């Protein structure tokens, strides 16, 4: 009877220890599960924040690209408008130049342009190549007076040129010449004129 009681106690002890061990295992399992869940939530939150930050950075980059593109297009449009205005001003200037060749002041203008071109050549024997309409201005008396004033022998070449005004002045053998026609003069001055026109048109813009 005593042996049976002892055996029962041993069994109860084993069952008690097994129960405690099972509880400990379950508790550890629950704790580990909670840690895993906590870690997963933390990772998810970090990933979410990273995604949001990345999305924010990408959105900012997109916004900056859009702004830069808009500024570039606006600048190009502004430059296009300025260029159109400058070209319109050049067109008007060319129209006015065309009129100069028919004014009363033109003979004195032509004379000055011939003298400028002749001075750049530096020769005693010079030919003037002019447009057909100017041959009536460049008479023998005109050339004689010009030769005396300039201190050189100045003649009118038989050839003519197509121009709005001005002339080509050359050494008689044709090896050296100075083109002082309206068109060439305008072309030479185009860059400085462009700057001057831009200042007038866009002052304060």
N, C-alpha and C. Protein backbone atom coordinates (compact mmCIF):
# COMPACT_ATOMS: atom_id res chain seq x y z
N UNK A 1 0.84 -1.21 0.00
CA UNK A 1 0.00 0.00 0.00
C UNK A 1 0.87 1.24 0.00
N UNK A 2 1.92 1.20 0.80
CA UNK A 2 2.86 2.32 0.87
C UNK A 2 3.56 2.50 -0.44
N UNK A 3 3.88 1.38 -1.12
CA UNK A 3 4.57 1.44 -2.41
C UNK A 3 3.67 2.08 -3.46
N UNK A 4 2.35 1.75 -3.42
CA UNK A 4 1.39 2.33 -4.37
C UNK A 4 1.30 3.84 -4.18
N UNK A 5 1.27 4.27 -2.91
CA UNK A 5 1.18 5.71 -2.61
C UNK A 5 2.40 6.42 -3.13
N UNK A 6 3.56 5.81 -2.94
CA UNK A 6 4.81 6.40 -3.42
C UNK A 6 4.83 6.50 -4.93
N UNK A 7 4.32 5.48 -5.59
CA UNK A 7 4.27 5.46 -7.07
C UNK A 7 3.35 6.54 -7.58
N UNK A 8 2.22 6.72 -6.89
CA UNK A 8 1.26 7.76 -7.29
C UNK A 8 1.90 9.13 -7.17
N UNK A 9 2.65 9.34 -6.09
CA UNK A 9 3.29 10.64 -5.88
C UNK A 9 4.33 10.92 -6.97
N UNK A 10 5.05 9.84 -7.32
CA UNK A 10 6.06 10.00 -8.38
C UNK A 10 5.39 10.40 -9.69
N UNK A 11 4.29 9.72 -10.00
CA UNK A 11 3.55 10.02 -11.24
C UNK A 11 3.03 11.46 -11.20
N UNK A 12 2.48 11.85 -10.04
CA UNK A 12 1.96 13.21 -9.89
C UNK A 12 3.08 14.24 -10.07
N UNK A 13 4.26 13.91 -9.49
CA UNK A 13 5.41 14.81 -9.60
C UNK A 13 5.83 14.96 -11.05
N UNK A 14 5.86 13.81 -11.73
CA UNK A 14 6.24 13.83 -13.16
C UNK A 14 5.24 14.67 -13.95
N UNK A 15 3.95 14.45 -13.65
CA UNK A 15 2.90 15.20 -14.36
C UNK A 15 3.01 16.70 -14.06
N UNK A 16 3.32 17.01 -12.79
CA UNK A 16 3.45 18.41 -12.39
C UNK A 16 4.63 19.07 -13.10
N UNK A 17 5.77 18.34 -13.08
CA UNK A 17 6.96 18.87 -13.75
C UNK A 17 6.72 19.02 -15.25
N UNK A 18 6.05 18.04 -15.82
CA UNK A 18 5.75 18.09 -17.26
C UNK A 18 4.85 19.27 -17.57
N UNK A 19 3.87 19.51 -16.67
CA UNK A 19 2.95 20.63 -16.86
C UNK A 19 3.70 21.95 -16.79
N UNK A 20 4.60 22.05 -15.79
CA UNK A 20 5.39 23.28 -15.65
C UNK A 20 6.27 23.50 -16.88
N UNK A 21 6.89 22.40 -17.34
CA UNK A 21 7.76 22.49 -18.52
C UNK A 21 6.96 22.90 -19.74
N UNK A 22 5.76 22.34 -19.86
CA UNK A 22 4.90 22.67 -21.00
C UNK A 22 4.50 24.14 -20.94
N UNK A 23 4.15 24.60 -19.72
CA UNK A 23 3.79 26.01 -19.55
C UNK A 23 4.95 26.92 -19.93
N UNK A 24 6.17 26.49 -19.48
CA UNK A 24 7.36 27.30 -19.80
C UNK A 24 7.60 27.35 -21.31
N UNK A 25 7.42 26.19 -21.94
CA UNK A 25 7.61 26.13 -23.40
C UNK A 25 6.58 27.00 -24.10
N UNK A 26 5.33 26.90 -23.66
CA UNK A 26 4.26 27.71 -24.26
C UNK A 26 4.51 29.20 -24.05
N UNK A 27 4.97 29.54 -22.82
CA UNK A 27 5.24 30.94 -22.52
C UNK A 27 6.36 31.48 -23.41
N UNK A 28 7.42 30.65 -23.52
CA UNK A 28 8.55 31.05 -24.36
C UNK A 28 8.10 31.19 -25.82
N UNK A 29 7.25 30.26 -26.23
CA UNK A 29 6.74 30.30 -27.61
C UNK A 29 5.92 31.56 -27.83
N UNK A 30 5.06 31.88 -26.83
CA UNK A 30 4.24 33.09 -26.95
C UNK A 30 5.13 34.34 -26.98
N UNK A 31 6.14 34.36 -26.08
CA UNK A 31 7.06 35.51 -26.06
C UNK A 31 7.79 35.67 -27.39
N UNK A 32 8.26 34.53 -27.91
CA UNK A 32 8.98 34.58 -29.19
C UNK A 32 8.07 35.04 -30.32
N UNK A 33 6.82 34.55 -30.27
CA UNK A 33 5.85 34.94 -31.29
C UNK A 33 5.58 36.44 -31.22
N UNK A 34 5.45 36.94 -29.99
CA UNK A 34 5.22 38.38 -29.82
C UNK A 34 6.42 39.20 -30.33
N UNK A 35 7.64 38.68 -30.06
CA UNK A 35 8.85 39.36 -30.54
C UNK A 35 8.89 39.39 -32.07
N UNK A 36 8.53 38.24 -32.66
CA UNK A 36 8.52 38.14 -34.13
C UNK A 36 7.51 39.12 -34.72
N UNK A 37 6.32 39.16 -34.09
CA UNK A 37 5.28 40.08 -34.55
C UNK A 37 5.74 41.53 -34.40
N UNK A 38 6.37 41.82 -33.25
CA UNK A 38 6.85 43.18 -32.99
C UNK A 38 7.92 43.58 -34.01
N UNK A 39 8.86 42.63 -34.26
CA UNK A 39 9.92 42.89 -35.24
C UNK A 39 9.33 43.10 -36.63
N UNK A 40 8.33 42.27 -36.96
CA UNK A 40 7.69 42.38 -38.28
C UNK A 40 7.00 43.73 -38.43
N UNK A 41 6.30 44.15 -37.36
CA UNK A 41 5.63 45.45 -37.40
C UNK A 41 6.65 46.59 -37.54
N UNK A 42 7.76 46.45 -36.76
CA UNK A 42 8.80 47.48 -36.82
C UNK A 42 9.41 47.57 -38.22
N UNK A 43 9.69 46.37 -38.79
CA UNK A 43 10.24 46.33 -40.14
C UNK A 43 9.28 46.94 -41.15
N UNK A 44 8.01 46.57 -40.99
CA UNK A 44 6.98 47.08 -41.91
C UNK A 44 6.88 48.60 -41.81
N UNK A 45 6.94 49.11 -40.57
CA UNK A 45 6.86 50.55 -40.37
C UNK A 45 8.07 51.26 -40.99
N UNK A 46 9.27 50.65 -40.74
CA UNK A 46 10.49 51.23 -41.32
C UNK A 46 10.44 51.23 -42.85
N UNK A 47 9.97 50.08 -43.38
CA UNK A 47 9.86 49.97 -44.84
C UNK A 47 8.85 50.98 -45.38
N UNK A 48 7.74 51.13 -44.62
CA UNK A 48 6.72 52.09 -45.04
C UNK A 48 7.28 53.51 -45.05
N UNK A 49 8.02 53.85 -43.98
CA UNK A 49 8.63 55.18 -43.90
C UNK A 49 9.65 55.39 -45.02
N UNK A 50 10.43 54.31 -45.28
CA UNK A 50 11.43 54.39 -46.35
C UNK A 50 10.76 54.59 -47.70
N UNK A 51 9.66 53.84 -47.91
CA UNK A 51 8.92 53.98 -49.17
C UNK A 51 8.35 55.38 -49.30
N UNK A 52 7.78 55.89 -48.18
CA UNK A 52 7.21 57.24 -48.21
C UNK A 52 8.29 58.29 -48.46
N UNK A 53 9.45 58.10 -47.79
CA UNK A 53 10.56 59.04 -48.00
C UNK A 53 11.06 58.99 -49.43
N UNK A 54 11.19 57.76 -49.94
CA UNK A 54 11.64 57.59 -51.32
C UNK A 54 10.64 58.21 -52.28
N UNK A 55 9.36 57.95 -51.98
CA UNK A 55 8.31 58.54 -52.82
C UNK A 55 8.33 60.05 -52.76
N UNK A 56 8.59 60.58 -51.56
CA UNK A 56 8.67 62.03 -51.41
C UNK A 56 9.84 62.62 -52.18
N UNK A 57 10.98 61.92 -52.10
CA UNK A 57 12.16 62.39 -52.84
C UNK A 57 11.92 62.35 -54.34
N UNK A 58 11.31 61.24 -54.80
CA UNK A 58 11.02 61.12 -56.23
C UNK A 58 10.02 62.17 -56.68
N UNK A 59 9.02 62.42 -55.83
CA UNK A 59 8.02 63.45 -56.16
C UNK A 59 8.68 64.82 -56.25
N UNK A 60 9.61 65.09 -55.33
CA UNK A 60 10.32 66.38 -55.35
C UNK A 60 11.17 66.52 -56.60
N UNK A 61 11.83 65.40 -56.99
CA UNK A 61 12.63 65.42 -58.22
C UNK A 61 11.77 65.68 -59.44
N UNK A 62 10.60 65.01 -59.47
CA UNK A 62 9.67 65.22 -60.59
C UNK A 62 9.22 66.67 -60.63
N UNK A 63 8.91 67.22 -59.45
CA UNK A 63 8.46 68.62 -59.37
C UNK A 63 9.56 69.56 -59.87
N UNK A 64 10.80 69.30 -59.42
CA UNK A 64 11.93 70.14 -59.84
C UNK A 64 12.16 70.06 -61.34
N UNK A 65 12.00 68.83 -61.89
CA UNK A 65 12.16 68.66 -63.34
C UNK A 65 11.09 69.44 -64.10
N UNK A 66 9.87 69.38 -63.61
CA UNK A 66 8.76 70.09 -64.25
C UNK A 66 9.01 71.60 -64.21
N UNK A 67 9.45 72.09 -63.04
CA UNK A 67 9.73 73.53 -62.89
C UNK A 67 10.86 73.95 -63.81
N UNK A 68 11.95 73.14 -63.84
CA UNK A 68 13.10 73.46 -64.70
C UNK A 68 12.70 73.47 -66.16
N UNK A 69 11.88 72.49 -66.55
CA UNK A 69 11.42 72.42 -67.95
C UNK A 69 10.55 73.62 -68.30
N UNK A 70 9.68 74.00 -67.37
CA UNK A 70 8.81 75.16 -67.60
C UNK A 70 9.64 76.44 -67.73
N UNK A 71 10.65 76.58 -66.87
CA UNK A 71 11.51 77.76 -66.93
C UNK A 71 12.29 77.80 -68.26
N UNK A 72 12.76 76.63 -68.69
CA UNK A 72 13.50 76.55 -69.95
C UNK A 72 12.62 76.94 -71.12
N UNK A 73 11.38 76.41 -71.12
CA UNK A 73 10.45 76.75 -72.21
C UNK A 73 10.08 78.23 -72.19
N UNK A 74 9.92 78.77 -70.99
CA UNK A 74 9.60 80.20 -70.86
C UNK A 74 10.76 81.06 -71.35
N UNK A 75 11.99 80.65 -71.01
CA UNK A 75 13.18 81.38 -71.46
C UNK A 75 13.30 81.33 -72.98
N UNK A 76 13.06 80.13 -73.54
CA UNK A 76 13.15 79.97 -75.00
C UNK A 76 12.10 80.83 -75.69
N UNK A 77 10.90 80.83 -75.13
CA UNK A 77 9.82 81.64 -75.70
C UNK A 77 10.18 83.12 -75.65
N UNK A 78 10.75 83.55 -74.53
CA UNK A 78 11.15 84.95 -74.38
C UNK A 78 12.22 85.32 -75.40
N UNK A 79 13.21 84.41 -75.58
CA UNK A 79 14.27 84.65 -76.56
C UNK A 79 13.71 84.68 -77.98
N UNK A 80 12.75 83.79 -78.26
CA UNK A 80 12.12 83.76 -79.59
C UNK A 80 11.40 85.08 -79.87
N UNK A 81 10.70 85.58 -78.86
CA UNK A 81 9.97 86.85 -79.02
C UNK A 81 10.96 87.99 -79.25
N UNK A 82 12.05 87.99 -78.48
CA UNK A 82 13.07 89.03 -78.64
C UNK A 82 13.70 88.96 -80.02
N UNK A 83 14.02 87.74 -80.47
CA UNK A 83 14.63 87.57 -81.78
C UNK A 83 13.70 88.05 -82.88
N UNK A 84 12.42 87.73 -82.75
CA UNK A 84 11.43 88.18 -83.75
C UNK A 84 11.36 89.71 -83.79
N UNK A 85 11.42 90.32 -82.60
CA UNK A 85 11.38 91.79 -82.53
C UNK A 85 12.63 92.41 -83.16
N UNK A 86 13.79 91.80 -82.90
CA UNK A 86 15.04 92.30 -83.48
C UNK A 86 15.03 92.16 -85.00
N UNK A 87 14.56 91.01 -85.49
CA UNK A 87 14.49 90.80 -86.94
C UNK A 87 13.52 91.79 -87.59
N UNK A 88 12.43 92.07 -86.90
CA UNK A 88 11.47 93.06 -87.42
C UNK A 88 12.12 94.44 -87.49
N UNK A 89 12.93 94.76 -86.47
CA UNK A 89 13.63 96.05 -86.46
C UNK A 89 14.65 96.12 -87.59
N UNK A 90 15.36 95.02 -87.84
CA UNK A 90 16.31 94.96 -88.96
C UNK A 90 15.58 95.15 -90.29
N UNK A 91 14.44 94.50 -90.40
CA UNK A 91 13.65 94.60 -91.63
C UNK A 91 13.24 96.05 -91.89
N UNK A 92 12.80 96.73 -90.84
CA UNK A 92 12.42 98.14 -90.97
C UNK A 92 13.63 99.01 -91.32
N UNK A 93 14.78 98.68 -90.71
CA UNK A 93 16.00 99.44 -91.00
C UNK A 93 16.41 99.27 -92.46
N UNK A 94 16.29 98.05 -92.96
CA UNK A 94 16.63 97.79 -94.36
C UNK A 94 15.70 98.55 -95.31
N UNK A 95 14.43 98.64 -94.94
CA UNK A 95 13.48 99.42 -95.76
C UNK A 95 13.88 100.89 -95.79
N UNK A 96 14.30 101.40 -94.63
CA UNK A 96 14.71 102.81 -94.56
C UNK A 96 15.99 103.04 -95.38
N UNK A 97 16.90 102.05 -95.33
CA UNK A 97 18.14 102.16 -96.10
C UNK A 97 17.85 102.20 -97.60
N UNK A 98 16.87 101.41 -98.01
CA UNK A 98 16.49 101.40 -99.43
C UNK A 98 16.04 102.79 -99.88
N UNK A 99 15.43 103.52 -98.97
CA UNK A 99 14.93 104.86 -99.31
C UNK A 99 16.08 105.88 -99.41
N UNK A 100 17.17 105.63 -98.68
CA UNK A 100 18.29 106.58 -98.64
C UNK A 100 18.84 106.84 -100.04
N UNK A 101 18.90 105.79 -100.85
CA UNK A 101 19.45 105.92 -102.19
C UNK A 101 18.66 106.80 -103.12
N UNK A 102 17.49 107.23 -102.69
CA UNK A 102 16.64 108.10 -103.53
C UNK A 102 16.49 109.50 -102.95
N UNK A 103 17.18 109.77 -101.84
CA UNK A 103 17.04 111.07 -101.19
C UNK A 103 18.06 112.08 -101.71
N UNK A 104 17.84 113.34 -101.40
CA UNK A 104 18.74 114.41 -101.84
C UNK A 104 20.10 114.32 -101.13
N UNK A 105 20.12 113.67 -99.97
CA UNK A 105 21.36 113.55 -99.21
C UNK A 105 22.27 112.44 -99.75
N UNK A 106 21.71 111.58 -100.59
CA UNK A 106 22.47 110.39 -101.00
C UNK A 106 23.80 110.70 -101.69
N UNK A 107 23.90 111.68 -102.62
CA UNK A 107 25.20 111.94 -103.26
C UNK A 107 26.32 112.21 -102.25
N UNK A 108 26.03 112.98 -101.20
CA UNK A 108 27.06 113.26 -100.19
C UNK A 108 27.37 112.00 -99.37
N UNK A 109 26.35 111.18 -99.14
CA UNK A 109 26.55 109.91 -98.42
C UNK A 109 27.43 108.99 -99.26
N UNK A 110 27.12 108.89 -100.55
CA UNK A 110 27.90 108.04 -101.46
C UNK A 110 29.36 108.51 -101.51
N UNK A 111 29.56 109.82 -101.58
CA UNK A 111 30.91 110.38 -101.62
C UNK A 111 31.70 109.99 -100.37
N UNK A 112 31.06 110.11 -99.22
CA UNK A 112 31.72 109.77 -97.96
C UNK A 112 32.08 108.28 -97.91
N UNK A 113 31.17 107.43 -98.39
CA UNK A 113 31.41 105.98 -98.38
C UNK A 113 32.55 105.60 -99.33
N UNK A 114 32.63 106.28 -100.46
CA UNK A 114 33.72 106.03 -101.41
C UNK A 114 35.06 106.44 -100.78
N UNK A 115 35.09 107.58 -100.12
CA UNK A 115 36.32 108.07 -99.49
C UNK A 115 36.78 107.11 -98.38
N UNK A 116 35.83 106.60 -97.60
CA UNK A 116 36.17 105.65 -96.54
C UNK A 116 36.80 104.39 -97.12
N UNK A 117 36.19 103.88 -98.19
CA UNK A 117 36.71 102.66 -98.82
C UNK A 117 38.07 102.91 -99.45
N UNK A 118 38.23 104.07 -100.12
CA UNK A 118 39.51 104.40 -100.77
C UNK A 118 40.63 104.54 -99.74
N UNK A 119 40.30 105.11 -98.59
CA UNK A 119 41.30 105.28 -97.52
C UNK A 119 41.79 103.93 -97.01
N UNK A 120 40.91 102.93 -96.99
CA UNK A 120 41.30 101.61 -96.50
C UNK A 120 42.21 100.88 -97.48
N UNK A 121 42.15 101.27 -98.77
CA UNK A 121 43.00 100.64 -99.78
C UNK A 121 44.38 101.29 -99.83
N UNK A 122 44.39 102.62 -99.79
CA UNK A 122 45.66 103.35 -99.80
C UNK A 122 46.41 103.26 -101.11
N UNK A 123 45.72 103.56 -102.21
CA UNK A 123 46.36 103.54 -103.53
C UNK A 123 46.12 104.86 -104.25
N UNK A 124 46.99 105.15 -105.22
CA UNK A 124 46.84 106.40 -106.00
C UNK A 124 45.97 106.21 -107.24
N UNK A 125 45.72 104.96 -107.62
CA UNK A 125 44.91 104.66 -108.80
C UNK A 125 43.72 103.78 -108.40
N UNK A 126 42.56 104.38 -108.38
CA UNK A 126 41.38 103.73 -107.82
C UNK A 126 40.23 103.71 -108.83
N UNK A 127 39.48 102.59 -108.78
CA UNK A 127 38.26 102.46 -109.58
C UNK A 127 37.07 102.33 -108.65
N UNK A 128 35.97 102.92 -109.08
CA UNK A 128 34.72 102.80 -108.33
C UNK A 128 33.77 101.91 -109.12
N UNK A 129 33.25 100.87 -108.45
CA UNK A 129 32.23 100.01 -109.06
C UNK A 129 30.92 100.32 -108.34
N UNK A 130 29.95 100.85 -109.06
CA UNK A 130 28.70 101.29 -108.43
C UNK A 130 27.50 100.70 -109.16
N UNK A 131 26.33 100.96 -108.63
CA UNK A 131 25.11 100.51 -109.29
C UNK A 131 24.82 101.42 -110.49
N UNK A 132 24.01 100.92 -111.39
CA UNK A 132 23.69 101.66 -112.61
C UNK A 132 23.07 103.02 -112.30
N UNK A 133 22.18 103.04 -111.30
CA UNK A 133 21.47 104.29 -110.96
C UNK A 133 22.41 105.38 -110.47
N UNK A 134 23.59 104.99 -109.94
CA UNK A 134 24.51 105.99 -109.39
C UNK A 134 25.49 106.55 -110.42
N UNK A 135 25.47 106.02 -111.62
CA UNK A 135 26.41 106.51 -112.64
C UNK A 135 26.11 107.97 -113.01
N UNK A 136 24.85 108.34 -112.85
CA UNK A 136 24.49 109.74 -113.14
C UNK A 136 25.02 110.69 -112.05
N UNK A 137 25.29 110.14 -110.86
CA UNK A 137 25.89 110.94 -109.78
C UNK A 137 27.40 111.02 -109.98
N UNK A 138 27.99 109.88 -110.36
CA UNK A 138 29.44 109.79 -110.49
C UNK A 138 29.89 110.32 -111.86
N UNK A 139 29.62 111.58 -112.07
CA UNK A 139 29.98 112.23 -113.34
C UNK A 139 31.48 112.52 -113.38
N UNK A 140 31.96 112.95 -114.54
CA UNK A 140 33.37 113.29 -114.68
C UNK A 140 33.77 114.40 -113.71
N UNK A 141 32.91 115.39 -113.59
CA UNK A 141 33.21 116.50 -112.67
C UNK A 141 33.25 116.02 -111.22
N UNK A 142 32.31 115.14 -110.87
CA UNK A 142 32.25 114.58 -109.51
C UNK A 142 33.55 113.83 -109.21
N UNK A 143 33.98 112.98 -110.15
CA UNK A 143 35.19 112.18 -109.96
C UNK A 143 36.44 113.05 -109.92
N UNK A 144 36.45 114.11 -110.74
CA UNK A 144 37.59 115.02 -110.77
C UNK A 144 37.74 115.73 -109.42
N UNK A 145 36.62 116.21 -108.91
CA UNK A 145 36.64 116.90 -107.61
C UNK A 145 37.04 115.94 -106.49
N UNK A 146 36.53 114.71 -106.58
CA UNK A 146 36.84 113.70 -105.57
C UNK A 146 38.32 113.33 -105.62
N UNK A 147 38.86 113.21 -106.84
CA UNK A 147 40.28 112.87 -107.01
C UNK A 147 41.16 113.95 -106.40
N UNK A 148 40.79 115.18 -106.65
CA UNK A 148 41.56 116.31 -106.13
C UNK A 148 41.49 116.35 -104.60
N UNK A 149 40.30 116.13 -104.10
CA UNK A 149 40.09 116.17 -102.64
C UNK A 149 40.83 115.04 -101.94
N UNK A 150 40.84 113.88 -102.59
CA UNK A 150 41.43 112.70 -101.95
C UNK A 150 42.92 112.57 -102.27
N UNK A 151 43.37 113.24 -103.33
CA UNK A 151 44.79 113.14 -103.70
C UNK A 151 45.12 111.86 -104.41
N UNK A 152 44.18 111.37 -105.25
CA UNK A 152 44.40 110.13 -106.00
C UNK A 152 43.66 110.21 -107.32
N UNK A 153 44.03 109.32 -108.24
CA UNK A 153 43.34 109.25 -109.53
C UNK A 153 42.16 108.30 -109.39
N UNK A 154 40.95 108.83 -109.38
CA UNK A 154 39.75 108.02 -109.15
C UNK A 154 38.92 107.98 -110.43
N UNK A 155 38.65 106.76 -110.91
CA UNK A 155 37.88 106.55 -112.14
C UNK A 155 36.66 105.70 -111.86
N UNK A 156 35.71 105.72 -112.77
CA UNK A 156 34.51 104.88 -112.67
C UNK A 156 34.69 103.65 -113.54
N UNK A 157 34.55 102.47 -112.94
CA UNK A 157 34.70 101.21 -113.68
C UNK A 157 33.51 101.02 -114.61
N UNK A 158 33.71 100.34 -115.75
CA UNK A 158 32.61 100.12 -116.68
C UNK A 158 31.56 99.14 -116.13
N UNK A 159 31.98 98.27 -115.21
CA UNK A 159 31.05 97.30 -114.65
C UNK A 159 30.11 97.97 -113.64
N UNK A 160 28.96 97.36 -113.45
CA UNK A 160 28.01 97.83 -112.42
C UNK A 160 27.70 96.68 -111.47
N UNK A 161 27.15 97.01 -110.32
CA UNK A 161 26.77 96.00 -109.32
C UNK A 161 25.33 96.21 -108.89
N UNK A 162 24.73 95.15 -108.36
CA UNK A 162 23.38 95.25 -107.82
C UNK A 162 23.49 95.55 -106.32
N UNK A 163 23.05 96.70 -105.94
CA UNK A 163 23.11 97.11 -104.54
C UNK A 163 22.07 98.19 -104.29
N UNK A 164 21.74 98.41 -103.02
CA UNK A 164 20.80 99.48 -102.64
C UNK A 164 21.50 100.83 -102.60
N UNK A 165 22.82 100.79 -102.54
CA UNK A 165 23.58 102.03 -102.47
C UNK A 165 24.99 101.76 -102.02
N UNK A 166 25.83 102.81 -102.05
CA UNK A 166 27.23 102.62 -101.71
C UNK A 166 28.00 102.15 -102.94
N UNK A 167 29.22 101.67 -102.72
CA UNK A 167 30.05 101.26 -103.86
C UNK A 167 31.16 100.32 -103.41
N UNK A 168 31.75 99.66 -104.41
CA UNK A 168 32.97 98.89 -104.19
C UNK A 168 34.12 99.71 -104.76
N UNK A 169 35.14 99.92 -103.97
CA UNK A 169 36.31 100.68 -104.41
C UNK A 169 37.48 99.71 -104.49
N UNK A 170 38.21 99.77 -105.62
CA UNK A 170 39.30 98.81 -105.81
C UNK A 170 40.49 99.45 -106.51
N UNK A 171 41.64 98.80 -106.33
CA UNK A 171 42.82 99.19 -107.11
C UNK A 171 42.54 98.83 -108.56
N UNK A 172 43.09 99.57 -109.47
CA UNK A 172 42.73 99.43 -110.88
C UNK A 172 42.92 98.00 -111.40
N UNK A 173 43.93 97.29 -110.90
CA UNK A 173 44.14 95.91 -111.37
C UNK A 173 43.17 94.92 -110.73
N UNK A 174 42.37 95.39 -109.78
CA UNK A 174 41.34 94.56 -109.17
C UNK A 174 41.82 93.60 -108.11
N UNK A 175 43.10 93.64 -107.75
CA UNK A 175 43.65 92.69 -106.77
C UNK A 175 43.21 93.01 -105.34
N UNK A 176 43.00 94.27 -105.07
CA UNK A 176 42.55 94.69 -103.73
C UNK A 176 41.30 95.54 -103.88
N UNK A 177 40.29 95.24 -103.07
CA UNK A 177 39.06 96.04 -103.12
C UNK A 177 38.48 96.20 -101.73
N UNK A 178 37.67 97.22 -101.59
CA UNK A 178 36.96 97.47 -100.34
C UNK A 178 35.47 97.62 -100.67
N UNK A 179 34.68 96.72 -100.11
CA UNK A 179 33.23 96.73 -100.36
C UNK A 179 32.55 97.60 -99.31
N UNK A 180 32.05 98.74 -99.75
CA UNK A 180 31.35 99.64 -98.83
C UNK A 180 29.93 99.91 -99.33
N UNK A 181 29.29 98.83 -99.81
CA UNK A 181 27.89 98.94 -100.20
C UNK A 181 27.02 98.92 -98.95
N UNK A 182 25.77 99.34 -99.09
CA UNK A 182 24.86 99.35 -97.94
C UNK A 182 24.74 97.95 -97.32
N UNK A 183 24.59 96.94 -98.20
CA UNK A 183 24.36 95.58 -97.70
C UNK A 183 25.55 95.06 -96.90
N UNK A 184 26.76 95.26 -97.46
CA UNK A 184 27.97 94.77 -96.77
C UNK A 184 28.21 95.54 -95.48
N UNK A 185 27.99 96.82 -95.55
CA UNK A 185 28.16 97.66 -94.35
C UNK A 185 27.18 97.22 -93.27
N UNK A 186 25.95 96.95 -93.65
CA UNK A 186 24.93 96.50 -92.70
C UNK A 186 25.32 95.16 -92.10
N UNK A 187 25.85 94.27 -92.94
CA UNK A 187 26.27 92.96 -92.48
C UNK A 187 27.41 93.07 -91.47
N UNK A 188 28.38 93.96 -91.75
CA UNK A 188 29.51 94.16 -90.83
C UNK A 188 29.05 94.71 -89.49
N UNK A 189 28.04 95.54 -89.54
CA UNK A 189 27.57 96.21 -88.32
C UNK A 189 26.46 95.42 -87.61
N UNK A 190 26.10 94.27 -88.17
CA UNK A 190 24.92 93.56 -87.68
C UNK A 190 25.01 93.20 -86.19
N UNK A 191 26.16 92.68 -85.77
CA UNK A 191 26.30 92.27 -84.36
C UNK A 191 26.16 93.46 -83.41
N UNK A 192 26.86 94.56 -83.74
CA UNK A 192 26.77 95.73 -82.87
C UNK A 192 25.38 96.35 -82.94
N UNK A 193 24.77 96.30 -84.14
CA UNK A 193 23.41 96.81 -84.29
C UNK A 193 22.41 95.96 -83.50
N UNK A 194 22.64 94.65 -83.53
CA UNK A 194 21.76 93.73 -82.78
C UNK A 194 21.77 94.10 -81.30
N UNK A 195 22.97 94.31 -80.76
CA UNK A 195 23.10 94.68 -79.35
C UNK A 195 22.41 96.02 -79.07
N UNK A 196 22.61 96.97 -79.98
CA UNK A 196 22.03 98.30 -79.81
C UNK A 196 20.50 98.24 -79.89
N UNK A 197 19.99 97.49 -80.86
CA UNK A 197 18.54 97.35 -81.03
C UNK A 197 17.93 96.67 -79.81
N UNK A 198 18.60 95.62 -79.33
CA UNK A 198 18.10 94.88 -78.16
C UNK A 198 18.00 95.80 -76.94
N UNK A 199 19.00 96.67 -76.75
CA UNK A 199 18.98 97.60 -75.62
C UNK A 199 17.81 98.57 -75.73
N UNK A 200 17.55 99.02 -76.95
CA UNK A 200 16.44 99.97 -77.15
C UNK A 200 15.09 99.28 -76.94
N UNK A 201 14.95 98.08 -77.54
CA UNK A 201 13.66 97.38 -77.49
C UNK A 201 13.34 96.84 -76.11
N UNK A 202 14.36 96.36 -75.40
CA UNK A 202 14.10 95.63 -74.16
C UNK A 202 14.67 96.31 -72.93
N UNK A 203 14.82 97.62 -72.99
CA UNK A 203 15.28 98.36 -71.82
C UNK A 203 14.28 98.20 -70.69
N UNK A 204 14.76 97.71 -69.55
CA UNK A 204 13.88 97.53 -68.40
C UNK A 204 13.06 96.26 -68.43
N UNK A 205 13.28 95.41 -69.48
CA UNK A 205 12.51 94.16 -69.57
C UNK A 205 13.27 93.06 -68.86
